[in-house]
Amino acid sequence: MSLLAVPIIAVVALVASVLSLVVIFILSVRHKAQLTLLTSQYQAQELILNNIQRTNEKLHFDIDKLQQQYEQIMIENTQVSKQLEHRIKILQTQIDNQHDVISQLQTDQGDNKFYTRAIKLAKKGANIDEIVTECELPYAEVEMLISVYQKKTSS
């Protein structure tokens, strides 16, 4: 090997070493920039995740609160429904009683219609004989009706 070949090899090795160092430096700068970018993306993702977790916790709290309100409303609705059912039963009983009274009055009206007619005639000033004949009531009862209604109209 010649003496010139050794420095050329050394120069080539030196140039290769410098080139490799430049390439390594450029690659490390790129990787550092990518690492910085990835780090900032990671931190942003971490902030987003923390916000999501806080929002999730708040939503769970709100859901629990709404669930409690719903349960309270359901309890109140059940109580109101029971009270209304009780009132409905009472009102139904009252309605049934009123129907019984109405039925009784309707059956009694057949007997009372003669008296009602007699009272109307007495108020109009009919005499005892007219009322006895038209209403088929006893003379004494008609006499009493006339005396009662003549006193009312003259008072």
C-alpha atoms as a PDB file:
ATOM      1  CA  MET A   1       0.000   0.000   0.000  1.00  0.00           C
ATOM      2  CA  SER A   2       1.247   3.366  -0.797  1.00  0.00           C
ATOM      3  CA  LEU A   3       1.776   6.216   1.504  1.00  0.00           C
ATOM      4  CA  LEU A   4      -0.793   8.269  -0.312  1.00  0.00           C
ATOM      5  CA  ALA A   5      -3.428   5.645   0.136  1.00  0.00           C
ATOM      6  CA  VAL A   6      -3.299   5.848   3.925  1.00  0.00           C
ATOM      7  CA  PRO A   7      -4.157   9.582   4.091  1.00  0.00           C
ATOM      8  CA  ILE A   8      -6.889   9.147   1.475  1.00  0.00           C
ATOM      9  CA  ILE A   9      -8.374   6.365   3.549  1.00  0.00           C
ATOM     10  CA  ALA A  10      -8.056   8.542   6.644  1.00  0.00           C
ATOM     11  CA  VAL A  11      -9.636  11.499   4.825  1.00  0.00           C
ATOM     12  CA  VAL A  12     -12.435   9.283   3.478  1.00  0.00           C
ATOM     13  CA  ALA A  13     -12.911   7.830   6.973  1.00  0.00           C
ATOM     14  CA  LEU A  14     -12.893  11.347   8.447  1.00  0.00           C
ATOM     15  CA  VAL A  15     -15.378  12.594   5.828  1.00  0.00           C
ATOM     16  CA  ALA A  16     -17.535   9.515   6.409  1.00  0.00           C
ATOM     17  CA  SER A  17     -17.378  10.105  10.152  1.00  0.00           C
ATOM     18  CA  VAL A  18     -18.287  13.793   9.753  1.00  0.00           C
ATOM     19  CA  LEU A  19     -21.105  12.915   7.365  1.00  0.00           C
ATOM     20  CA  SER A  20     -22.392  10.298   9.777  1.00  0.00           C
ATOM     21  CA  LEU A  21     -22.234  12.818  12.631  1.00  0.00           C
ATOM     22  CA  VAL A  22     -24.124  15.374  10.508  1.00  0.00           C
ATOM     23  CA  VAL A  23     -26.744  12.775   9.577  1.00  0.00           C
ATOM     24  CA  ILE A  24     -27.018  11.683  13.209  1.00  0.00           C
ATOM     25  CA  PHE A  25     -27.301  15.323  14.313  1.00  0.00           C
ATOM     26  CA  ILE A  26     -29.995  16.064  11.707  1.00  0.00           C
ATOM     27  CA  LEU A  27     -31.877  12.905  12.684  1.00  0.00           C
ATOM     28  CA  SER A  28     -31.603  13.744  16.378  1.00  0.00           C
ATOM     29  CA  VAL A  29     -32.915  17.283  15.733  1.00  0.00           C
ATOM     30  CA  ARG A  30     -35.856  15.815  13.783  1.00  0.00           C
ATOM     31  CA  HIS A  31     -36.501  13.259  16.497  1.00  0.00           C
ATOM     32  CA  LYS A  32     -36.239  15.929  19.130  1.00  0.00           C
ATOM     33  CA  ALA A  33     -38.806  18.048  17.237  1.00  0.00           C
ATOM     34  CA  GLN A  34     -41.060  15.000  16.866  1.00  0.00           C
ATOM     35  CA  LEU A  35     -40.550  14.182  20.526  1.00  0.00           C
ATOM     36  CA  THR A  36     -41.474  17.757  21.471  1.00  0.00           C
ATOM     37  CA  LEU A  37     -44.554  17.577  19.226  1.00  0.00           C
ATOM     38  CA  LEU A  38     -45.576  14.213  20.686  1.00  0.00           C
ATOM     39  CA  THR A  39     -45.017  15.534  24.219  1.00  0.00           C
ATOM     40  CA  SER A  40     -47.235  18.564  23.583  1.00  0.00           C
ATOM     41  CA  GLN A  41     -49.875  16.312  21.965  1.00  0.00           C
ATOM     42  CA  TYR A  42     -49.677  13.990  24.980  1.00  0.00           C
ATOM     43  CA  GLN A  43     -50.123  16.914  27.369  1.00  0.00           C
ATOM     44  CA  ALA A  44     -53.074  18.221  25.336  1.00  0.00           C
ATOM     45  CA  GLN A  45     -54.626  14.750  25.337  1.00  0.00           C
ATOM     46  CA  GLU A  46     -54.026  14.537  29.091  1.00  0.00           C
ATOM     47  CA  LEU A  47     -55.826  17.886  29.603  1.00  0.00           C
ATOM     48  CA  ILE A  48     -58.729  16.695  27.443  1.00  0.00           C
ATOM     49  CA  LEU A  49     -58.890  13.435  29.379  1.00  0.00           C
ATOM     50  CA  ASN A  50     -58.915  15.317  32.703  1.00  0.00           C
ATOM     51  CA  ASN A  51     -61.718  17.569  31.428  1.00  0.00           C
ATOM     52  CA  ILE A  52     -63.673  14.518  30.262  1.00  0.00           C
ATOM     53  CA  GLN A  53     -63.183  12.859  33.653  1.00  0.00           C
ATOM     54  CA  ARG A  54     -64.370  15.986  35.519  1.00  0.00           C
ATOM     55  CA  THR A  55     -67.351  16.291  33.191  1.00  0.00           C
ATOM     56  CA  ASN A  56     -68.110  12.597  33.659  1.00  0.00           C
ATOM     57  CA  GLU A  57     -67.974  12.975  37.452  1.00  0.00           C
ATOM     58  CA  LYS A  58     -70.269  16.017  37.281  1.00  0.00           C
ATOM     59  CA  LEU A  59     -72.694  14.138  35.039  1.00  0.00           C
ATOM     60  CA  HIS A  60     -72.727  11.180  37.436  1.00  0.00           C
ATOM     61  CA  PHE A  61     -73.404  13.580  40.309  1.00  0.00           C
ATOM     62  CA  ASP A  62     -76.224  15.233  38.335  1.00  0.00           C
ATOM     63  CA  ILE A  63     -77.661  11.842  37.367  1.00  0.00           C
ATOM     64  CA  ASP A  64     -77.627  10.726  41.017  1.00  0.00           C
ATOM     65  CA  LYS A  65     -79.327  13.965  42.057  1.00  0.00           C
ATOM     66  CA  LEU A  66     -81.973  13.574  39.334  1.00  0.00           C
ATOM     67  CA  GLN A  67     -82.492   9.942  40.345  1.00  0.00           C
ATOM     68  CA  GLN A  68     -83.133  11.023  43.934  1.00  0.00           C
ATOM     69  CA  GLN A  69     -85.563  13.712  42.758  1.00  0.00           C
ATOM     70  CA  TYR A  70     -87.322  11.171  40.532  1.00  0.00           C
ATOM     71  CA  GLU A  71     -87.666   8.719  43.414  1.00  0.00           C
ATOM     72  CA  GLN A  72     -89.027  11.475  45.685  1.00  0.00           C
ATOM     73  CA  ILE A  73     -91.544  12.517  43.022  1.00  0.00           C
ATOM     74  CA  MET A  74     -92.597   8.901  42.542  1.00  0.00           C
ATOM     75  CA  ILE A  75     -93.175   8.533  46.306  1.00  0.00           C
ATOM     76  CA  GLU A  76     -95.216  11.756  46.336  1.00  0.00           C
ATOM     77  CA  ASN A  77     -97.200  10.632  43.270  1.00  0.00           C
ATOM     78  CA  THR A  78     -97.941   7.299  44.914  1.00  0.00           C
ATOM     79  CA  GLN A  79     -99.188   9.059  48.042  1.00  0.00           C
ATOM     80  CA  VAL A  80    -101.319  11.469  46.007  1.00  0.00           C
ATOM     81  CA  SER A  81    -102.717   8.565  43.973  1.00  0.00           C
ATOM     82  CA  LYS A  82    -103.690   6.720  47.149  1.00  0.00           C
ATOM     83  CA  GLN A  83    -105.345   9.855  48.541  1.00  0.00           C
ATOM     84  CA  LEU A  84    -107.220  10.387  45.281  1.00  0.00           C
ATOM     85  CA  GLU A  85    -108.348   6.761  45.213  1.00  0.00           C
ATOM     86  CA  HIS A  86    -109.635   7.170  48.766  1.00  0.00           C
ATOM     87  CA  ARG A  87    -111.466  10.380  47.833  1.00  0.00           C
ATOM     88  CA  ILE A  88    -112.916   8.711  44.741  1.00  0.00           C
ATOM     89  CA  LYS A  89    -114.243   5.856  46.883  1.00  0.00           C
ATOM     90  CA  ILE A  90    -115.810   8.355  49.293  1.00  0.00           C
ATOM     91  CA  LEU A  91    -117.324  10.338  46.423  1.00  0.00           C
ATOM     92  CA  GLN A  92    -118.588   7.163  44.782  1.00  0.00           C
ATOM     93  CA  THR A  93    -120.255   6.185  48.036  1.00  0.00           C
ATOM     94  CA  GLN A  94    -121.814   9.638  48.255  1.00  0.00           C
ATOM     95  CA  ILE A  95    -122.991   9.390  44.638  1.00  0.00           C
ATOM     96  CA  ASP A  96    -124.505   5.982  45.330  1.00  0.00           C
ATOM     97  CA  ASN A  97    -126.270   7.421  48.386  1.00  0.00           C
ATOM     98  CA  GLN A  98    -127.571  10.328  46.301  1.00  0.00           C
ATOM     99  CA  HIS A  99    -128.848   7.888  43.675  1.00  0.00           C
ATOM    100  CA  ASP A 100    -130.654   5.995  46.424  1.00  0.00           C
ATOM    101  CA  VAL A 101    -132.196   9.237  47.694  1.00  0.00           C
ATOM    102  CA  ILE A 102    -133.234  10.226  44.161  1.00  0.00           C
ATOM    103  CA  SER A 103    -134.764   6.810  43.587  1.00  0.00           C
ATOM    104  CA  GLN A 104    -136.627   7.069  46.864  1.00  0.00           C
ATOM    105  CA  LEU A 105    -137.848  10.544  45.987  1.00  0.00           C
ATOM    106  CA  GLN A 106    -138.997   9.341  42.584  1.00  0.00           C
ATOM    107  CA  THR A 107    -140.985   6.504  44.096  1.00  0.00           C
ATOM    108  CA  ASP A 108    -142.384   8.821  46.775  1.00  0.00           C
ATOM    109  CA  GLN A 109    -143.312  11.410  44.159  1.00  0.00           C
ATOM    110  CA  GLY A 110    -146.269   9.318  43.075  1.00  0.00           C
ATOM    111  CA  ASP A 111    -147.797   9.827  46.522  1.00  0.00           C
ATOM    112  CA  ASN A 112    -146.657  13.423  46.813  1.00  0.00           C
ATOM    113  CA  LYS A 113    -147.876  14.608  43.422  1.00  0.00           C
ATOM    114  CA  PHE A 114    -151.440  14.847  44.754  1.00  0.00           C
ATOM    115  CA  TYR A 115    -150.233  16.989  47.646  1.00  0.00           C
ATOM    116  CA  THR A 116    -148.081  19.105  45.347  1.00  0.00           C
ATOM    117  CA  ARG A 117    -151.079  19.704  43.074  1.00  0.00           C
ATOM    118  CA  ALA A 118    -153.277  20.467  46.081  1.00  0.00           C
ATOM    119  CA  ILE A 119    -150.756  23.017  47.389  1.00  0.00           C
ATOM    120  CA  LYS A 120    -150.626  24.722  43.988  1.00  0.00           C
ATOM    121  CA  LEU A 121    -154.406  24.897  43.847  1.00  0.00           C
ATOM    122  CA  ALA A 122    -154.566  26.225  47.426  1.00  0.00           C
ATOM    123  CA  LYS A 123    -152.038  28.936  46.558  1.00  0.00           C
ATOM    124  CA  LYS A 124    -154.192  29.915  43.556  1.00  0.00           C
ATOM    125  CA  GLY A 125    -157.179  30.260  45.876  1.00  0.00           C
ATOM    126  CA  ALA A 126    -159.184  27.145  44.973  1.00  0.00           C
ATOM    127  CA  ASN A 127    -161.854  26.090  47.489  1.00  0.00           C
ATOM    128  CA  ILE A 128    -161.843  22.856  49.500  1.00  0.00           C
ATOM    129  CA  ASP A 129    -164.344  21.017  47.301  1.00  0.00           C
ATOM    130  CA  GLU A 130    -162.361  21.690  44.102  1.00  0.00           C
ATOM    131  CA  ILE A 131    -159.135  20.417  45.683  1.00  0.00           C
ATOM    132  CA  VAL A 132    -160.786  17.316  47.208  1.00  0.00           C
ATOM    133  CA  THR A 133    -162.347  16.436  43.867  1.00  0.00           C
ATOM    134  CA  GLU A 134    -159.282  17.062  41.716  1.00  0.00           C
ATOM    135  CA  CYS A 135    -156.593  15.626  44.027  1.00  0.00           C
ATOM    136  CA  GLU A 136    -158.575  12.795  45.626  1.00  0.00           C
ATOM    137  CA  LEU A 137    -157.372  13.778  49.122  1.00  0.00           C
ATOM    138  CA  PRO A 138    -159.361  13.564  52.354  1.00  0.00           C
ATOM    139  CA  TYR A 139    -161.421  16.631  53.229  1.00  0.00           C
ATOM    140  CA  ALA A 140    -159.556  17.211  56.547  1.00  0.00           C
ATOM    141  CA  GLU A 141    -156.122  17.173  54.873  1.00  0.00           C
ATOM    142  CA  VAL A 142    -157.216  19.639  52.194  1.00  0.00           C
ATOM    143  CA  GLU A 143    -158.711  21.865  54.880  1.00  0.00           C
ATOM    144  CA  MET A 144    -155.381  21.803  56.705  1.00  0.00           C
ATOM    145  CA  LEU A 145    -153.390  22.590  53.511  1.00  0.00           C
ATOM    146  CA  ILE A 146    -155.617  25.547  52.725  1.00  0.00           C
ATOM    147  CA  SER A 147    -155.296  26.914  56.251  1.00  0.00           C
ATOM    148  CA  VAL A 148    -151.491  26.584  56.149  1.00  0.00           C
ATOM    149  CA  TYR A 149    -151.100  28.187  52.738  1.00  0.00           C
ATOM    150  CA  GLN A 150    -153.670  30.891  53.375  1.00  0.00           C
ATOM    151  CA  LYS A 151    -151.690  31.896  56.474  1.00  0.00           C
ATOM    152  CA  LYS A 152    -148.426  31.939  54.462  1.00  0.00           C
ATOM    153  CA  THR A 153    -149.824  34.114  51.720  1.00  0.00           C
ATOM    154  CA  SER A 154    -151.509  36.515  54.141  1.00  0.00           C
ATOM    155  CA  SER A 155    -148.405  36.856  56.363  1.00  0.00           C
END
